[in-house]
Amino acid sequence: MNQGANSFQRIIPRLIRLKDAPFYLGMDRNRFNAEARPYLVEIRIGEQGIAFDRLDLDIWVDHYKSRNGRPGQLRGELAWDEKERPDSTNAVESGISTSKSEESAFAKALEKATSQGRKSTSHGG
């Protein structure tokens, strides 16, 4: 085999035929027809042949990846969107603080506000 024929076999064609496009994208024919094909420009080859521009297929993959992809994960770790959130040890179910320091601070502030309010509204005689 001569050098020219060998180098030609390594060239990725610009036009990918319909029968090869799902394989190129790594999916089955049904998924290709449902998810990718409606967004691609079909190129007629002869009377019955249909092909797609490889660059359009690559652009479709980039767009698909931006919508559906996520970073990989290290062995034994949760995925980035599955990480457990730490439980708060101070959480209160009813929404009312049970901290004694907060209660006393609130009581002092309430007492101060109500006692000042009474003094400022009374017009002593």
C-alpha atoms as a PDB file:
ATOM      1  CA  MET A   1       0.000   0.000   0.000  1.00  0.00           C
ATOM      2  CA  ASN A   2       1.426   3.372  -0.921  1.00  0.00           C
ATOM      3  CA  GLN A   3       1.812   6.363   1.415  1.00  0.00           C
ATOM      4  CA  GLY A   4      -0.965   8.442  -0.217  1.00  0.00           C
ATOM      5  CA  ALA A   5      -3.672   5.807   0.260  1.00  0.00           C
ATOM      6  CA  ASN A   6      -2.684   5.255   3.878  1.00  0.00           C
ATOM      7  CA  SER A   7      -2.916   8.965   4.786  1.00  0.00           C
ATOM      8  CA  PHE A   8      -6.281   9.239   3.008  1.00  0.00           C
ATOM      9  CA  GLN A   9      -7.784   6.597   5.311  1.00  0.00           C
ATOM     10  CA  ARG A  10      -7.010   8.738   8.372  1.00  0.00           C
ATOM     11  CA  ILE A  11      -8.979  11.752   7.128  1.00  0.00           C
ATOM     12  CA  ILE A  12     -12.320  12.248   8.857  1.00  0.00           C
ATOM     13  CA  PRO A  13     -14.870  13.105   6.166  1.00  0.00           C
ATOM     14  CA  ARG A  14     -16.610  16.470   6.401  1.00  0.00           C
ATOM     15  CA  LEU A  15     -19.969  14.979   5.423  1.00  0.00           C
ATOM     16  CA  ILE A  16     -21.290  12.204   7.633  1.00  0.00           C
ATOM     17  CA  ARG A  17     -23.955  10.006   6.063  1.00  0.00           C
ATOM     18  CA  LEU A  18     -27.291   9.511   7.831  1.00  0.00           C
ATOM     19  CA  LYS A  19     -26.481   5.873   8.616  1.00  0.00           C
ATOM     20  CA  ASP A  20     -23.222   6.936  10.348  1.00  0.00           C
ATOM     21  CA  ALA A  21     -24.341  10.137  12.104  1.00  0.00           C
ATOM     22  CA  PRO A  22     -25.879   8.433  15.175  1.00  0.00           C
ATOM     23  CA  PHE A  23     -22.664   6.433  15.675  1.00  0.00           C
ATOM     24  CA  TYR A  24     -20.583   9.607  15.284  1.00  0.00           C
ATOM     25  CA  LEU A  25     -22.621  11.220  18.095  1.00  0.00           C
ATOM     26  CA  GLY A  26     -22.534   8.068  20.217  1.00  0.00           C
ATOM     27  CA  MET A  27     -26.267   7.387  20.235  1.00  0.00           C
ATOM     28  CA  ASP A  28     -28.774   5.044  18.648  1.00  0.00           C
ATOM     29  CA  ARG A  29     -30.756   5.921  15.523  1.00  0.00           C
ATOM     30  CA  ASN A  30     -34.039   6.569  17.353  1.00  0.00           C
ATOM     31  CA  ARG A  31     -32.459   9.022  19.795  1.00  0.00           C
ATOM     32  CA  PHE A  32     -30.595  10.714  16.924  1.00  0.00           C
ATOM     33  CA  ASN A  33     -33.839  11.144  14.951  1.00  0.00           C
ATOM     34  CA  ALA A  34     -35.686  12.506  18.007  1.00  0.00           C
ATOM     35  CA  GLU A  35     -33.054  14.749  19.595  1.00  0.00           C
ATOM     36  CA  ALA A  36     -30.416  15.772  17.068  1.00  0.00           C
ATOM     37  CA  ARG A  37     -31.766  15.471  13.542  1.00  0.00           C
ATOM     38  CA  PRO A  38     -34.501  18.140  13.854  1.00  0.00           C
ATOM     39  CA  TYR A  39     -31.778  20.738  14.572  1.00  0.00           C
ATOM     40  CA  LEU A  40     -29.379  19.762  11.787  1.00  0.00           C
ATOM     41  CA  VAL A  41     -29.195  20.777   8.145  1.00  0.00           C
ATOM     42  CA  GLU A  42     -29.656  17.773   5.863  1.00  0.00           C
ATOM     43  CA  ILE A  43     -27.449  17.695   2.788  1.00  0.00           C
ATOM     44  CA  ARG A  44     -28.748  15.729  -0.181  1.00  0.00           C
ATOM     45  CA  ILE A  45     -26.252  13.455  -1.864  1.00  0.00           C
ATOM     46  CA  GLY A  46     -27.633  12.153  -5.142  1.00  0.00           C
ATOM     47  CA  GLU A  47     -31.286  11.155  -5.276  1.00  0.00           C
ATOM     48  CA  GLN A  48     -31.574   9.253  -1.997  1.00  0.00           C
ATOM     49  CA  GLY A  49     -28.477  10.009   0.045  1.00  0.00           C
ATOM     50  CA  ILE A  50     -28.622  12.256   3.109  1.00  0.00           C
ATOM     51  CA  ALA A  51     -25.607  13.545   4.997  1.00  0.00           C
ATOM     52  CA  PHE A  52     -24.806  16.019   7.761  1.00  0.00           C
ATOM     53  CA  ASP A  53     -21.897  18.407   8.081  1.00  0.00           C
ATOM     54  CA  ARG A  54     -19.508  17.045  10.723  1.00  0.00           C
ATOM     55  CA  LEU A  55     -18.961  20.570  12.055  1.00  0.00           C
ATOM     56  CA  ASP A  56     -22.736  20.993  12.561  1.00  0.00           C
ATOM     57  CA  LEU A  57     -22.771  17.688  14.449  1.00  0.00           C
ATOM     58  CA  ASP A  58     -19.926  18.931  16.652  1.00  0.00           C
ATOM     59  CA  ILE A  59     -21.760  22.201  17.346  1.00  0.00           C
ATOM     60  CA  TRP A  60     -24.919  20.266  18.242  1.00  0.00           C
ATOM     61  CA  VAL A  61     -22.894  18.154  20.708  1.00  0.00           C
ATOM     62  CA  ASP A  62     -21.404  21.282  22.319  1.00  0.00           C
ATOM     63  CA  HIS A  63     -24.878  22.746  22.781  1.00  0.00           C
ATOM     64  CA  TYR A  64     -26.258  19.444  24.102  1.00  0.00           C
ATOM     65  CA  LYS A  65     -23.348  19.143  26.511  1.00  0.00           C
ATOM     66  CA  SER A  66     -23.859  22.670  27.858  1.00  0.00           C
ATOM     67  CA  ARG A  67     -27.495  21.821  28.660  1.00  0.00           C
ATOM     68  CA  ASN A  68     -27.080  18.257  29.911  1.00  0.00           C
ATOM     69  CA  GLY A  69     -23.467  17.716  30.901  1.00  0.00           C
ATOM     70  CA  ARG A  70     -21.960  17.879  34.362  1.00  0.00           C
ATOM     71  CA  PRO A  71     -18.446  17.569  35.725  1.00  0.00           C
ATOM     72  CA  GLY A  72     -17.028  14.123  36.323  1.00  0.00           C
ATOM     73  CA  GLN A  73     -16.628  12.774  39.807  1.00  0.00           C
ATOM     74  CA  LEU A  74     -13.804  11.150  41.695  1.00  0.00           C
ATOM     75  CA  ARG A  75     -14.196   7.590  42.856  1.00  0.00           C
ATOM     76  CA  GLY A  76     -16.131   7.416  46.108  1.00  0.00           C
ATOM     77  CA  GLU A  77     -17.308  11.040  46.020  1.00  0.00           C
ATOM     78  CA  LEU A  78     -20.801  12.266  45.355  1.00  0.00           C
ATOM     79  CA  ALA A  79     -21.420  14.146  42.125  1.00  0.00           C
ATOM     80  CA  TRP A  80     -21.217  17.943  42.370  1.00  0.00           C
ATOM     81  CA  ASP A  81     -25.016  18.282  42.327  1.00  0.00           C
ATOM     82  CA  GLU A  82     -25.604  15.426  44.778  1.00  0.00           C
ATOM     83  CA  LYS A  83     -23.434  16.656  47.639  1.00  0.00           C
ATOM     84  CA  GLU A  84     -25.053  16.390  51.025  1.00  0.00           C
ATOM     85  CA  ARG A  85     -25.729  19.649  52.765  1.00  0.00           C
ATOM     86  CA  PRO A  86     -24.635  19.695  56.395  1.00  0.00           C
ATOM     87  CA  ASP A  87     -27.465  19.534  58.880  1.00  0.00           C
ATOM     88  CA  SER A  88     -27.672  22.528  61.145  1.00  0.00           C
ATOM     89  CA  THR A  89     -27.393  21.620  64.801  1.00  0.00           C
ATOM     90  CA  ASN A  90     -29.189  24.849  65.743  1.00  0.00           C
ATOM     91  CA  ALA A  91     -32.152  24.345  63.432  1.00  0.00           C
ATOM     92  CA  VAL A  92     -35.578  25.019  64.897  1.00  0.00           C
ATOM     93  CA  GLU A  93     -38.582  23.359  63.391  1.00  0.00           C
ATOM     94  CA  SER A  94     -41.174  25.942  64.375  1.00  0.00           C
ATOM     95  CA  GLY A  95     -39.103  28.926  63.322  1.00  0.00           C
ATOM     96  CA  ILE A  96     -38.912  30.309  66.864  1.00  0.00           C
ATOM     97  CA  SER A  97     -35.532  30.667  68.484  1.00  0.00           C
ATOM     98  CA  THR A  98     -34.867  28.438  71.473  1.00  0.00           C
ATOM     99  CA  SER A  99     -31.505  29.966  72.273  1.00  0.00           C
ATOM    100  CA  LYS A 100     -31.590  31.331  75.839  1.00  0.00           C
ATOM    101  CA  SER A 101     -29.201  34.176  74.993  1.00  0.00           C
ATOM    102  CA  GLU A 102     -31.381  35.261  72.060  1.00  0.00           C
ATOM    103  CA  GLU A 103     -34.516  35.067  74.203  1.00  0.00           C
ATOM    104  CA  SER A 104     -33.014  37.192  76.962  1.00  0.00           C
ATOM    105  CA  ALA A 105     -31.642  39.721  74.460  1.00  0.00           C
ATOM    106  CA  PHE A 106     -35.065  39.969  72.835  1.00  0.00           C
ATOM    107  CA  ALA A 107     -36.790  40.330  76.215  1.00  0.00           C
ATOM    108  CA  LYS A 108     -34.389  43.123  77.219  1.00  0.00           C
ATOM    109  CA  ALA A 109     -34.893  44.935  73.911  1.00  0.00           C
ATOM    110  CA  LEU A 110     -38.670  44.574  74.187  1.00  0.00           C
ATOM    111  CA  GLU A 111     -38.671  45.861  77.753  1.00  0.00           C
ATOM    112  CA  LYS A 112     -36.473  48.811  76.805  1.00  0.00           C
ATOM    113  CA  ALA A 113     -38.628  49.694  73.801  1.00  0.00           C
ATOM    114  CA  THR A 114     -41.897  49.503  75.747  1.00  0.00           C
ATOM    115  CA  SER A 115     -40.555  51.393  78.751  1.00  0.00           C
ATOM    116  CA  GLN A 116     -39.147  54.161  76.555  1.00  0.00           C
ATOM    117  CA  GLY A 117     -42.389  54.313  74.638  1.00  0.00           C
ATOM    118  CA  ARG A 118     -44.379  54.883  77.808  1.00  0.00           C
ATOM    119  CA  LYS A 119     -42.041  57.605  79.035  1.00  0.00           C
ATOM    120  CA  SER A 120     -42.025  59.466  75.744  1.00  0.00           C
ATOM    121  CA  THR A 121     -45.808  59.397  75.330  1.00  0.00           C
ATOM    122  CA  SER A 122     -46.683  60.497  78.833  1.00  0.00           C
ATOM    123  CA  HIS A 123     -47.052  64.221  79.248  1.00  0.00           C
ATOM    124  CA  GLY A 124     -46.399  64.306  82.947  1.00  0.00           C
ATOM    125  CA  GLY A 125     -48.131  66.789  85.144  1.00  0.00           C
END
